[in-house]
Amino acid sequence: MKKTFILIILLIGAIFITGCESERKESNTSGSVEVINARKKSYLNTVSAYIDSVRVKVNEGTKLRLYETETLFLIPVTCAKLESGGTSPFSNKWQYAYVGVQFAADLYSYYAVTLDGAGYGINMLPYSKIYKNDSNDVINPEDLTNISELIDNYKISENKSINYTELSNEFKNMIDSSNIKVKSVVFISSESCSYQK
């Protein structure tokens, strides 16, 4: 009788512990999603700050004179100075991070294309969407178009116009998916942070 009683108490204890463990795992999973979404929003805030900094430089018109139409200028975030922060909340290193600028009809449009060291990024997202701060706009590593190799290939052409037809299909698809109509792309040199034509 005593052994049966002890066995029943052990079974009840095991069931209780299993139930608590299951509840804890469920709680941690939802907490992780909340933390990731908060980081994604912080990611968008950082990118938005970079775009604002580039907008100031473009509007000053001193070093960045971007008046060519049908051209997408890609400016590295190293050209933008922020008072604080500036890194991804997932990684303190950018694999690449560019602010895209397009001039048309006396107006500038701004975009971002980024990839951080943890694999999170943005595929040529317009500023209007970044400003809305929707965590779904930061793409998880498995869904991101990684253009690191493409950028390395184009770096030899910094500050020179690259015809749209010469771009790789992945790069063209990324530009087209954002409804950006261009005939050429210019990667601004991170060393000079200037473009004057």
N, C-alpha and C. Protein backbone atom coordinates (compact mmCIF):
# COMPACT_ATOMS: atom_id res chain seq x y z
N MET A 1 0.81 -1.19 0.00
CA MET A 1 0.00 0.00 0.00
C MET A 1 0.86 1.26 0.00
N LYS A 2 1.92 1.26 0.83
CA LYS A 2 2.80 2.42 0.91
C LYS A 2 3.49 2.65 -0.44
N LYS A 3 3.92 1.57 -1.10
CA LYS A 3 4.60 1.69 -2.39
C LYS A 3 3.65 2.24 -3.45
N THR A 4 2.41 1.81 -3.42
CA THR A 4 1.42 2.30 -4.37
C THR A 4 1.17 3.79 -4.15
N PHE A 5 1.07 4.18 -2.89
CA PHE A 5 0.85 5.59 -2.56
C PHE A 5 2.02 6.44 -3.05
N ILE A 6 3.23 5.99 -2.83
CA ILE A 6 4.43 6.72 -3.27
C ILE A 6 4.47 6.79 -4.79
N LEU A 7 4.12 5.70 -5.46
CA LEU A 7 4.10 5.66 -6.92
C LEU A 7 3.07 6.65 -7.47
N ILE A 8 1.91 6.73 -6.85
CA ILE A 8 0.87 7.68 -7.29
C ILE A 8 1.36 9.11 -7.09
N ILE A 9 2.00 9.41 -5.98
CA ILE A 9 2.53 10.76 -5.73
C ILE A 9 3.61 11.10 -6.75
N LEU A 10 4.47 10.15 -7.07
CA LEU A 10 5.52 10.38 -8.08
C LEU A 10 4.90 10.64 -9.45
N LEU A 11 3.87 9.88 -9.81
CA LEU A 11 3.20 10.09 -11.10
C LEU A 11 2.54 11.47 -11.16
N ILE A 12 1.86 11.85 -10.10
CA ILE A 12 1.24 13.18 -10.05
C ILE A 12 2.31 14.26 -10.15
N GLY A 13 3.42 14.09 -9.45
CA GLY A 13 4.52 15.04 -9.50
C GLY A 13 5.10 15.14 -10.90
N ALA A 14 5.28 14.00 -11.58
CA ALA A 14 5.83 13.99 -12.94
C ALA A 14 4.88 14.70 -13.90
N ILE A 15 3.58 14.44 -13.76
CA ILE A 15 2.60 15.10 -14.61
C ILE A 15 2.61 16.61 -14.36
N PHE A 16 2.69 17.01 -13.11
CA PHE A 16 2.72 18.43 -12.75
C PHE A 16 3.96 19.10 -13.33
N ILE A 17 5.12 18.46 -13.18
CA ILE A 17 6.38 19.02 -13.70
C ILE A 17 6.33 19.12 -15.22
N THR A 18 5.81 18.09 -15.89
CA THR A 18 5.70 18.12 -17.34
C THR A 18 4.78 19.25 -17.78
N GLY A 19 3.66 19.42 -17.09
CA GLY A 19 2.73 20.51 -17.42
C GLY A 19 3.37 21.87 -17.23
N CYS A 20 4.12 22.04 -16.15
CA CYS A 20 4.80 23.32 -15.89
C CYS A 20 5.85 23.59 -16.94
N GLU A 21 6.60 22.56 -17.33
CA GLU A 21 7.65 22.71 -18.33
C GLU A 21 7.04 23.10 -19.67
N SER A 22 5.93 22.47 -20.01
CA SER A 22 5.24 22.79 -21.26
C SER A 22 4.77 24.25 -21.25
N GLU A 23 4.21 24.68 -20.15
CA GLU A 23 3.75 26.07 -20.00
C GLU A 23 4.91 27.04 -20.10
N ARG A 24 6.06 26.69 -19.50
CA ARG A 24 7.24 27.55 -19.53
C ARG A 24 7.76 27.69 -20.96
N LYS A 25 7.80 26.57 -21.71
CA LYS A 25 8.28 26.61 -23.09
C LYS A 25 7.36 27.48 -23.94
N GLU A 26 6.05 27.34 -23.76
CA GLU A 26 5.09 28.15 -24.49
C GLU A 26 5.28 29.63 -24.18
N SER A 27 5.51 29.94 -22.94
CA SER A 27 5.72 31.32 -22.51
C SER A 27 6.99 31.88 -23.13
N ASN A 28 8.07 31.08 -23.14
CA ASN A 28 9.34 31.54 -23.71
C ASN A 28 9.22 31.75 -25.21
N THR A 29 8.47 30.89 -25.89
CA THR A 29 8.32 31.03 -27.33
C THR A 29 7.62 32.33 -27.66
N SER A 30 6.53 32.65 -27.00
CA SER A 30 5.83 33.90 -27.29
C SER A 30 6.68 35.10 -26.88
N GLY A 31 7.42 34.96 -25.81
CA GLY A 31 8.32 36.03 -25.40
C GLY A 31 9.40 36.27 -26.44
N SER A 32 9.90 35.21 -27.04
CA SER A 32 10.93 35.34 -28.07
C SER A 32 10.38 36.08 -29.28
N VAL A 33 9.16 35.78 -29.67
CA VAL A 33 8.55 36.47 -30.80
C VAL A 33 8.41 37.96 -30.49
N GLU A 34 8.00 38.27 -29.28
CA GLU A 34 7.87 39.68 -28.89
C GLU A 34 9.22 40.38 -28.91
N VAL A 35 10.25 39.69 -28.42
CA VAL A 35 11.60 40.29 -28.41
C VAL A 35 12.09 40.49 -29.84
N ILE A 36 11.89 39.51 -30.70
CA ILE A 36 12.33 39.64 -32.09
C ILE A 36 11.59 40.78 -32.78
N ASN A 37 10.28 40.89 -32.56
CA ASN A 37 9.53 41.99 -33.18
C ASN A 37 9.99 43.35 -32.66
N ALA A 38 10.31 43.43 -31.38
CA ALA A 38 10.83 44.69 -30.82
C ALA A 38 12.18 45.03 -31.46
N ARG A 39 13.02 44.02 -31.65
CA ARG A 39 14.31 44.26 -32.31
C ARG A 39 14.12 44.70 -33.76
N LYS A 40 13.14 44.09 -34.44
CA LYS A 40 12.88 44.47 -35.83
C LYS A 40 12.43 45.93 -35.90
N LYS A 41 11.61 46.36 -34.96
CA LYS A 41 11.18 47.76 -34.94
C LYS A 41 12.37 48.68 -34.68
N SER A 42 13.25 48.27 -33.79
CA SER A 42 14.46 49.04 -33.52
C SER A 42 15.34 49.10 -34.77
N TYR A 43 15.40 47.99 -35.49
CA TYR A 43 16.15 47.92 -36.75
C TYR A 43 15.62 48.98 -37.72
N LEU A 44 14.30 49.04 -37.86
CA LEU A 44 13.69 50.02 -38.76
C LEU A 44 13.95 51.45 -38.30
N ASN A 45 13.94 51.68 -36.99
CA ASN A 45 14.25 53.02 -36.46
C ASN A 45 15.67 53.43 -36.82
N THR A 46 16.61 52.49 -36.73
CA THR A 46 18.01 52.78 -37.08
C THR A 46 18.12 53.12 -38.56
N VAL A 47 17.49 52.31 -39.40
CA VAL A 47 17.53 52.56 -40.85
C VAL A 47 16.87 53.89 -41.18
N SER A 48 15.77 54.19 -40.52
CA SER A 48 15.09 55.48 -40.72
C SER A 48 16.01 56.64 -40.36
N ALA A 49 16.77 56.50 -39.29
CA ALA A 49 17.71 57.56 -38.89
C ALA A 49 18.80 57.75 -39.95
N TYR A 50 19.27 56.66 -40.53
CA TYR A 50 20.26 56.77 -41.61
C TYR A 50 19.66 57.50 -42.82
N ILE A 51 18.43 57.16 -43.16
CA ILE A 51 17.79 57.83 -44.30
C ILE A 51 17.65 59.32 -44.01
N ASP A 52 17.23 59.68 -42.80
CA ASP A 52 17.11 61.09 -42.44
C ASP A 52 18.44 61.82 -42.57
N SER A 53 19.52 61.17 -42.17
CA SER A 53 20.84 61.78 -42.27
C SER A 53 21.24 61.99 -43.73
N VAL A 54 20.96 61.01 -44.56
CA VAL A 54 21.28 61.14 -45.99
C VAL A 54 20.40 62.22 -46.63
N ARG A 55 19.14 62.31 -46.22
CA ARG A 55 18.25 63.34 -46.75
C ARG A 55 18.82 64.73 -46.50
N VAL A 56 19.38 64.95 -45.31
CA VAL A 56 19.99 66.24 -44.99
C VAL A 56 21.14 66.52 -45.94
N LYS A 57 21.99 65.52 -46.17
CA LYS A 57 23.14 65.71 -47.07
C LYS A 57 22.68 66.00 -48.50
N VAL A 58 21.66 65.29 -48.94
CA VAL A 58 21.16 65.50 -50.30
C VAL A 58 20.55 66.90 -50.42
N ASN A 59 19.79 67.31 -49.44
CA ASN A 59 19.15 68.64 -49.49
C ASN A 59 20.16 69.77 -49.39
N GLU A 60 21.28 69.53 -48.68
CA GLU A 60 22.35 70.55 -48.64
C GLU A 60 22.94 70.73 -50.03
N GLY A 61 23.04 69.63 -50.79
CA GLY A 61 23.55 69.69 -52.16
C GLY A 61 25.01 70.05 -52.27
N THR A 62 25.79 69.82 -51.21
CA THR A 62 27.21 70.16 -51.29
C THR A 62 28.02 68.99 -51.85
N LYS A 63 28.05 67.88 -51.14
CA LYS A 63 28.82 66.73 -51.61
C LYS A 63 27.99 65.75 -52.44
N LEU A 64 26.72 65.65 -52.12
CA LEU A 64 25.84 64.73 -52.85
C LEU A 64 24.91 65.52 -53.76
N ARG A 65 25.32 65.64 -54.98
CA ARG A 65 24.48 66.31 -55.98
C ARG A 65 23.87 65.24 -56.86
N LEU A 66 22.66 64.89 -56.53
CA LEU A 66 22.00 63.76 -57.18
C LEU A 66 20.82 64.26 -58.01
N TYR A 67 21.12 64.79 -59.18
CA TYR A 67 20.08 65.38 -60.00
C TYR A 67 19.76 64.56 -61.24
N GLU A 68 20.44 63.47 -61.45
CA GLU A 68 20.18 62.65 -62.62
C GLU A 68 18.87 61.88 -62.43
N THR A 69 18.01 61.96 -63.41
CA THR A 69 16.75 61.22 -63.33
C THR A 69 16.97 59.79 -63.81
N GLU A 70 16.04 58.94 -63.47
CA GLU A 70 16.07 57.52 -63.85
C GLU A 70 17.34 56.83 -63.37
N THR A 71 17.89 57.31 -62.26
CA THR A 71 19.09 56.73 -61.67
C THR A 71 18.83 56.45 -60.20
N LEU A 72 19.24 55.29 -59.75
CA LEU A 72 19.17 54.95 -58.34
C LEU A 72 20.57 55.08 -57.75
N PHE A 73 20.73 56.00 -56.83
CA PHE A 73 22.01 56.19 -56.16
C PHE A 73 21.99 55.38 -54.87
N LEU A 74 22.99 54.56 -54.65
CA LEU A 74 23.10 53.77 -53.43
C LEU A 74 24.24 54.32 -52.59
N ILE A 75 23.87 54.90 -51.46
CA ILE A 75 24.82 55.59 -50.58
C ILE A 75 25.05 54.72 -49.34
N PRO A 76 26.30 54.35 -49.06
CA PRO A 76 26.54 53.52 -47.88
C PRO A 76 26.24 54.29 -46.59
N VAL A 77 25.73 53.59 -45.60
CA VAL A 77 25.37 54.27 -44.35
C VAL A 77 26.60 54.83 -43.63
N THR A 78 27.78 54.41 -44.04
CA THR A 78 28.99 54.99 -43.45
C THR A 78 29.12 56.47 -43.81
N CYS A 79 28.39 56.92 -44.83
CA CYS A 79 28.38 58.34 -45.19
C CYS A 79 27.43 59.14 -44.32
N ALA A 80 26.58 58.46 -43.58
CA ALA A 80 25.59 59.14 -42.73
C ALA A 80 26.08 59.10 -41.30
N LYS A 81 26.03 60.22 -40.65
CA LYS A 81 26.46 60.30 -39.25
C LYS A 81 25.24 60.35 -38.35
N LEU A 82 25.24 59.48 -37.34
CA LEU A 82 24.16 59.47 -36.36
C LEU A 82 24.73 59.89 -35.01
N GLU A 83 23.91 60.56 -34.22
CA GLU A 83 24.37 61.00 -32.90
C GLU A 83 24.62 59.81 -31.98
N SER A 84 23.79 58.78 -32.10
CA SER A 84 23.99 57.59 -31.28
C SER A 84 23.43 56.39 -32.03
N GLY A 85 23.83 55.21 -31.58
CA GLY A 85 23.33 53.98 -32.19
C GLY A 85 23.95 53.76 -33.55
N GLY A 86 23.14 53.24 -34.43
CA GLY A 86 23.62 53.03 -35.80
C GLY A 86 23.91 51.59 -36.13
N THR A 87 23.74 50.70 -35.16
CA THR A 87 23.97 49.29 -35.45
C THR A 87 22.64 48.54 -35.39
N SER A 88 22.66 47.38 -35.95
CA SER A 88 21.47 46.53 -35.91
C SER A 88 21.30 45.96 -34.51
N PRO A 89 20.07 45.82 -34.03
CA PRO A 89 19.87 45.21 -32.72
C PRO A 89 20.13 43.70 -32.72
N PHE A 90 20.29 43.11 -33.89
CA PHE A 90 20.60 41.69 -33.99
C PHE A 90 22.10 41.44 -34.06
N SER A 91 22.83 42.43 -34.55
CA SER A 91 24.27 42.29 -34.75
C SER A 91 24.88 43.68 -34.79
N ASN A 92 26.06 43.85 -34.26
CA ASN A 92 26.66 45.19 -34.30
C ASN A 92 27.50 45.40 -35.55
N LYS A 93 27.22 44.60 -36.58
CA LYS A 93 27.97 44.70 -37.83
C LYS A 93 27.00 44.63 -39.01
N TRP A 94 27.20 45.50 -39.98
CA TRP A 94 26.44 45.44 -41.23
C TRP A 94 27.26 44.68 -42.26
N GLN A 95 26.65 43.73 -42.95
CA GLN A 95 27.33 43.13 -44.12
C GLN A 95 27.28 44.14 -45.25
N TYR A 96 26.11 44.76 -45.41
CA TYR A 96 25.96 45.92 -46.28
C TYR A 96 24.76 46.71 -45.80
N ALA A 97 24.79 48.00 -46.03
CA ALA A 97 23.67 48.87 -45.67
C ALA A 97 23.77 50.12 -46.53
N TYR A 98 22.78 50.29 -47.39
CA TYR A 98 22.75 51.42 -48.31
C TYR A 98 21.43 52.15 -48.22
N VAL A 99 21.49 53.46 -48.39
CA VAL A 99 20.30 54.27 -48.57
C VAL A 99 20.20 54.54 -50.07
N GLY A 100 19.07 54.19 -50.64
CA GLY A 100 18.85 54.44 -52.06
C GLY A 100 18.17 55.78 -52.24
N VAL A 101 18.62 56.54 -53.22
CA VAL A 101 18.04 57.85 -53.51
C VAL A 101 17.74 57.91 -55.00
N GLN A 102 16.53 58.36 -55.30
CA GLN A 102 16.16 58.54 -56.71
C GLN A 102 15.55 59.93 -56.87
N PHE A 103 15.97 60.63 -57.91
CA PHE A 103 15.47 61.98 -58.20
C PHE A 103 14.53 61.90 -59.40
N ALA A 104 13.33 62.44 -59.24
CA ALA A 104 12.38 62.48 -60.35
C ALA A 104 11.39 63.62 -60.12
N ALA A 105 11.16 64.38 -61.14
CA ALA A 105 10.17 65.46 -61.11
C ALA A 105 10.35 66.38 -59.90
N ASP A 106 11.56 66.81 -59.65
CA ASP A 106 11.89 67.72 -58.56
C ASP A 106 11.65 67.14 -57.17
N LEU A 107 11.49 65.83 -57.07
CA LEU A 107 11.31 65.16 -55.79
C LEU A 107 12.31 64.03 -55.64
N TYR A 108 12.69 63.79 -54.40
CA TYR A 108 13.56 62.66 -54.10
C TYR A 108 12.75 61.56 -53.43
N SER A 109 13.05 60.33 -53.80
CA SER A 109 12.48 59.16 -53.14
C SER A 109 13.63 58.43 -52.47
N TYR A 110 13.36 57.89 -51.28
CA TYR A 110 14.40 57.23 -50.49
C TYR A 110 14.03 55.78 -50.21
N TYR A 111 15.04 54.93 -50.21
CA TYR A 111 14.87 53.50 -50.01
C TYR A 111 16.00 53.01 -49.10
N ALA A 112 15.88 51.77 -48.66
CA ALA A 112 16.98 51.15 -47.92
C ALA A 112 17.12 49.70 -48.36
N VAL A 113 18.36 49.26 -48.43
CA VAL A 113 18.68 47.85 -48.66
C VAL A 113 19.80 47.51 -47.68
N THR A 114 19.52 46.56 -46.79
CA THR A 114 20.47 46.26 -45.72
C THR A 114 20.56 44.77 -45.46
N LEU A 115 21.67 44.39 -44.86
CA LEU A 115 21.85 43.03 -44.34
C LEU A 115 22.82 43.14 -43.17
N ASP A 116 22.40 42.65 -42.01
CA ASP A 116 23.29 42.72 -40.86
C ASP A 116 24.05 41.41 -40.67
N GLY A 117 24.93 41.38 -39.69
CA GLY A 117 25.77 40.21 -39.44
C GLY A 117 25.00 38.97 -39.02
N ALA A 118 23.78 39.14 -38.54
CA ALA A 118 22.96 37.99 -38.12
C ALA A 118 22.06 37.51 -39.24
N GLY A 119 22.07 38.19 -40.38
CA GLY A 119 21.28 37.76 -41.52
C GLY A 119 19.94 38.43 -41.67
N TYR A 120 19.61 39.38 -40.82
CA TYR A 120 18.35 40.13 -40.97
C TYR A 120 18.57 41.32 -41.89
N GLY A 121 17.54 41.69 -42.64
CA GLY A 121 17.74 42.80 -43.55
C GLY A 121 16.46 43.32 -44.17
N ILE A 122 16.66 44.23 -45.12
CA ILE A 122 15.58 44.87 -45.85
C ILE A 122 15.93 44.80 -47.33
N ASN A 123 14.96 44.37 -48.14
CA ASN A 123 15.13 44.33 -49.59
C ASN A 123 14.54 45.57 -50.24
N MET A 124 15.33 46.59 -50.47
CA MET A 124 14.94 47.81 -51.18
C MET A 124 13.54 48.28 -50.78
N LEU A 125 13.42 48.68 -49.55
CA LEU A 125 12.13 49.12 -49.00
C LEU A 125 12.03 50.64 -49.07
N PRO A 126 10.90 51.19 -49.52
CA PRO A 126 10.76 52.64 -49.57
C PRO A 126 10.66 53.24 -48.17
N TYR A 127 11.10 54.48 -48.05
CA TYR A 127 11.10 55.17 -46.76
C TYR A 127 9.71 55.23 -46.15
N SER A 128 8.69 55.41 -46.96
CA SER A 128 7.33 55.50 -46.44
C SER A 128 6.94 54.23 -45.67
N LYS A 129 7.43 53.07 -46.12
CA LYS A 129 7.14 51.82 -45.40
C LYS A 129 8.03 51.69 -44.17
N ILE A 130 9.27 52.11 -44.26
CA ILE A 130 10.19 52.03 -43.12
C ILE A 130 9.66 52.89 -41.98
N TYR A 131 9.17 54.07 -42.35
CA TYR A 131 8.66 55.02 -41.36
C TYR A 131 7.46 54.46 -40.59
N LYS A 132 6.67 53.58 -41.23
CA LYS A 132 5.50 52.98 -40.57
C LYS A 132 5.91 51.99 -39.48
N ASN A 133 7.16 51.55 -39.52
CA ASN A 133 7.75 50.72 -38.47
C ASN A 133 6.98 49.41 -38.25
N ASP A 134 6.71 48.69 -39.35
CA ASP A 134 6.06 47.39 -39.28
C ASP A 134 7.14 46.32 -39.22
N SER A 135 7.20 45.60 -38.11
CA SER A 135 8.27 44.63 -37.90
C SER A 135 8.30 43.56 -38.99
N ASN A 136 7.21 43.37 -39.72
CA ASN A 136 7.19 42.37 -40.80
C ASN A 136 8.05 42.80 -41.98
N ASP A 137 8.44 44.07 -42.05
CA ASP A 137 9.26 44.55 -43.16
C ASP A 137 10.73 44.19 -43.01
N VAL A 138 11.15 43.83 -41.81
CA VAL A 138 12.52 43.33 -41.62
C VAL A 138 12.45 41.84 -41.92
N ILE A 139 13.21 41.43 -42.90
CA ILE A 139 13.10 40.07 -43.41
C ILE A 139 14.04 39.14 -42.66
N ASN A 140 13.51 37.99 -42.30
CA ASN A 140 14.31 36.96 -41.64
C ASN A 140 15.34 36.41 -42.62
N PRO A 141 16.44 35.87 -42.11
CA PRO A 141 17.53 35.42 -42.97
C PRO A 141 17.11 34.48 -44.10
N GLU A 142 16.18 33.57 -43.82
CA GLU A 142 15.82 32.58 -44.84
C GLU A 142 14.99 33.18 -45.98
N ASP A 143 14.43 34.37 -45.81
CA ASP A 143 13.60 34.98 -46.84
C ASP A 143 14.26 36.17 -47.53
N LEU A 144 15.45 36.52 -47.13
CA LEU A 144 16.11 37.72 -47.65
C LEU A 144 16.88 37.42 -48.93
N THR A 145 16.83 38.34 -49.88
CA THR A 145 17.67 38.25 -51.06
C THR A 145 19.04 38.81 -50.68
N ASN A 146 20.01 37.94 -50.49
CA ASN A 146 21.34 38.37 -50.08
C ASN A 146 22.11 38.82 -51.31
N ILE A 147 22.46 40.09 -51.34
CA ILE A 147 23.15 40.64 -52.51
C ILE A 147 24.60 40.99 -52.19
N SER A 148 25.16 40.40 -51.16
CA SER A 148 26.55 40.69 -50.78
C SER A 148 27.51 40.50 -51.94
N GLU A 149 27.41 39.35 -52.61
CA GLU A 149 28.32 39.08 -53.72
C GLU A 149 28.11 40.06 -54.86
N LEU A 150 26.86 40.43 -55.09
CA LEU A 150 26.58 41.38 -56.16
C LEU A 150 27.21 42.73 -55.85
N ILE A 151 27.09 43.16 -54.61
CA ILE A 151 27.66 44.44 -54.21
C ILE A 151 29.18 44.42 -54.38
N ASP A 152 29.81 43.31 -53.98
CA ASP A 152 31.26 43.20 -54.15
C ASP A 152 31.64 43.35 -55.62
N ASN A 153 30.84 42.77 -56.51
CA ASN A 153 31.13 42.89 -57.94
C ASN A 153 30.98 44.33 -58.44
N TYR A 154 30.03 45.08 -57.87
CA TYR A 154 29.78 46.43 -58.34
C TYR A 154 30.71 47.46 -57.70
N LYS A 155 31.38 47.08 -56.60
CA LYS A 155 32.24 48.06 -55.92
C LYS A 155 33.33 48.60 -56.83
N ILE A 156 33.75 47.80 -57.80
CA ILE A 156 34.78 48.28 -58.72
C ILE A 156 34.27 49.44 -59.56
N SER A 157 32.95 49.60 -59.59
CA SER A 157 32.35 50.68 -60.38
C SER A 157 31.85 51.83 -59.53
N GLU A 158 32.35 51.97 -58.30
CA GLU A 158 31.84 53.03 -57.43
C GLU A 158 31.98 54.40 -58.09
N ASN A 159 30.95 55.20 -57.89
CA ASN A 159 30.83 56.55 -58.44
C ASN A 159 30.72 56.56 -59.97
N LYS A 160 30.46 55.40 -60.56
CA LYS A 160 30.22 55.33 -62.00
C LYS A 160 28.85 54.73 -62.23
N SER A 161 28.21 55.19 -63.24
CA SER A 161 26.87 54.71 -63.55
C SER A 161 26.94 53.30 -64.16
N ILE A 162 26.08 52.40 -63.63
CA ILE A 162 25.98 51.05 -64.16
C ILE A 162 24.62 50.95 -64.84
N ASN A 163 24.62 50.58 -66.09
CA ASN A 163 23.38 50.47 -66.84
C ASN A 163 22.52 49.37 -66.23
N TYR A 164 21.22 49.63 -66.16
CA TYR A 164 20.27 48.67 -65.57
C TYR A 164 20.38 47.30 -66.23
N THR A 165 20.58 47.27 -67.54
CA THR A 165 20.66 45.99 -68.25
C THR A 165 21.88 45.18 -67.85
N GLU A 166 22.90 45.82 -67.27
CA GLU A 166 24.11 45.12 -66.85
C GLU A 166 23.99 44.53 -65.44
N LEU A 167 22.92 44.85 -64.74
CA LEU A 167 22.74 44.34 -63.38
C LEU A 167 22.34 42.87 -63.41
N SER A 168 22.64 42.17 -62.35
CA SER A 168 22.24 40.76 -62.26
C SER A 168 20.72 40.67 -62.12
N ASN A 169 20.18 39.51 -62.45
CA ASN A 169 18.73 39.31 -62.35
C ASN A 169 18.23 39.50 -60.93
N GLU A 170 18.99 39.04 -59.92
CA GLU A 170 18.57 39.19 -58.52
C GLU A 170 18.45 40.67 -58.16
N PHE A 171 19.43 41.44 -58.60
CA PHE A 171 19.43 42.87 -58.30
C PHE A 171 18.28 43.56 -59.01
N LYS A 172 18.07 43.23 -60.27
CA LYS A 172 16.95 43.81 -61.03
C LYS A 172 15.62 43.46 -60.38
N ASN A 173 15.45 42.21 -59.98
CA ASN A 173 14.21 41.78 -59.34
C ASN A 173 13.94 42.56 -58.06
N MET A 174 15.00 42.79 -57.29
CA MET A 174 14.84 43.53 -56.04
C MET A 174 14.40 44.97 -56.32
N ILE A 175 15.00 45.60 -57.32
CA ILE A 175 14.63 46.96 -57.70
C ILE A 175 13.20 46.98 -58.24
N ASP A 176 12.90 46.05 -59.13
CA ASP A 176 11.57 46.00 -59.75
C ASP A 176 10.48 45.74 -58.72
N SER A 177 10.76 44.91 -57.71
CA SER A 177 9.73 44.59 -56.72
C SER A 177 9.36 45.82 -55.88
N SER A 178 10.21 46.83 -55.88
CA SER A 178 9.90 48.07 -55.16
C SER A 178 9.31 49.13 -56.08
N ASN A 179 9.02 48.73 -57.33
CA ASN A 179 8.45 49.64 -58.34
C ASN A 179 9.34 50.85 -58.60
N ILE A 180 10.65 50.64 -58.55
CA ILE A 180 11.59 51.71 -58.87
C ILE A 180 11.91 51.61 -60.35
N LYS A 181 11.67 52.67 -61.08
CA LYS A 181 11.94 52.69 -62.52
C LYS A 181 13.25 53.43 -62.76
N VAL A 182 14.27 52.68 -63.14
CA VAL A 182 15.58 53.29 -63.36
C VAL A 182 16.21 52.75 -64.63
N LYS A 183 17.14 53.53 -65.16
CA LYS A 183 17.95 53.09 -66.29
C LYS A 183 19.37 52.79 -65.85
N SER A 184 19.74 53.32 -64.65
CA SER A 184 21.09 53.07 -64.17
C SER A 184 21.14 53.11 -62.65
N VAL A 185 22.23 52.54 -62.11
CA VAL A 185 22.48 52.51 -60.67
C VAL A 185 23.89 53.03 -60.44
N VAL A 186 24.04 53.86 -59.39
CA VAL A 186 25.37 54.37 -59.03
C VAL A 186 25.62 54.03 -57.57
N PHE A 187 26.70 53.28 -57.32
CA PHE A 187 27.15 53.02 -55.95
C PHE A 187 28.09 54.15 -55.56
N ILE A 188 27.71 54.91 -54.56
CA ILE A 188 28.56 56.01 -54.09
C ILE A 188 29.70 55.41 -53.27
N SER A 189 30.88 55.93 -53.47
CA SER A 189 32.06 55.44 -52.75
C SER A 189 31.99 55.81 -51.28
N SER A 190 32.23 54.84 -50.42
CA SER A 190 32.20 55.12 -48.98
C SER A 190 33.41 55.96 -48.55
N GLU A 191 34.46 55.95 -49.34
CA GLU A 191 35.64 56.75 -49.01
C GLU A 191 35.39 58.24 -49.24
N SER A 192 34.73 58.55 -50.34
CA SER A 192 34.52 59.97 -50.64
C SER A 192 33.19 60.48 -50.16
N CYS A 193 32.21 59.62 -50.07
CA CYS A 193 30.84 60.02 -49.67
C CYS A 193 30.37 61.23 -50.46
N SER A 194 30.78 61.29 -51.70
CA SER A 194 30.34 62.41 -52.52
C SER A 194 30.06 61.94 -53.94
N TYR A 195 29.23 62.69 -54.59
CA TYR A 195 28.94 62.45 -56.01
C TYR A 195 28.55 63.77 -56.62
N GLN A 196 29.33 64.21 -57.59
CA GLN A 196 29.04 65.48 -58.28
C GLN A 196 29.24 65.26 -59.75
N LYS A 197 28.23 65.59 -60.50
CA LYS A 197 28.36 65.42 -61.95
C LYS A 197 28.04 66.72 -62.64
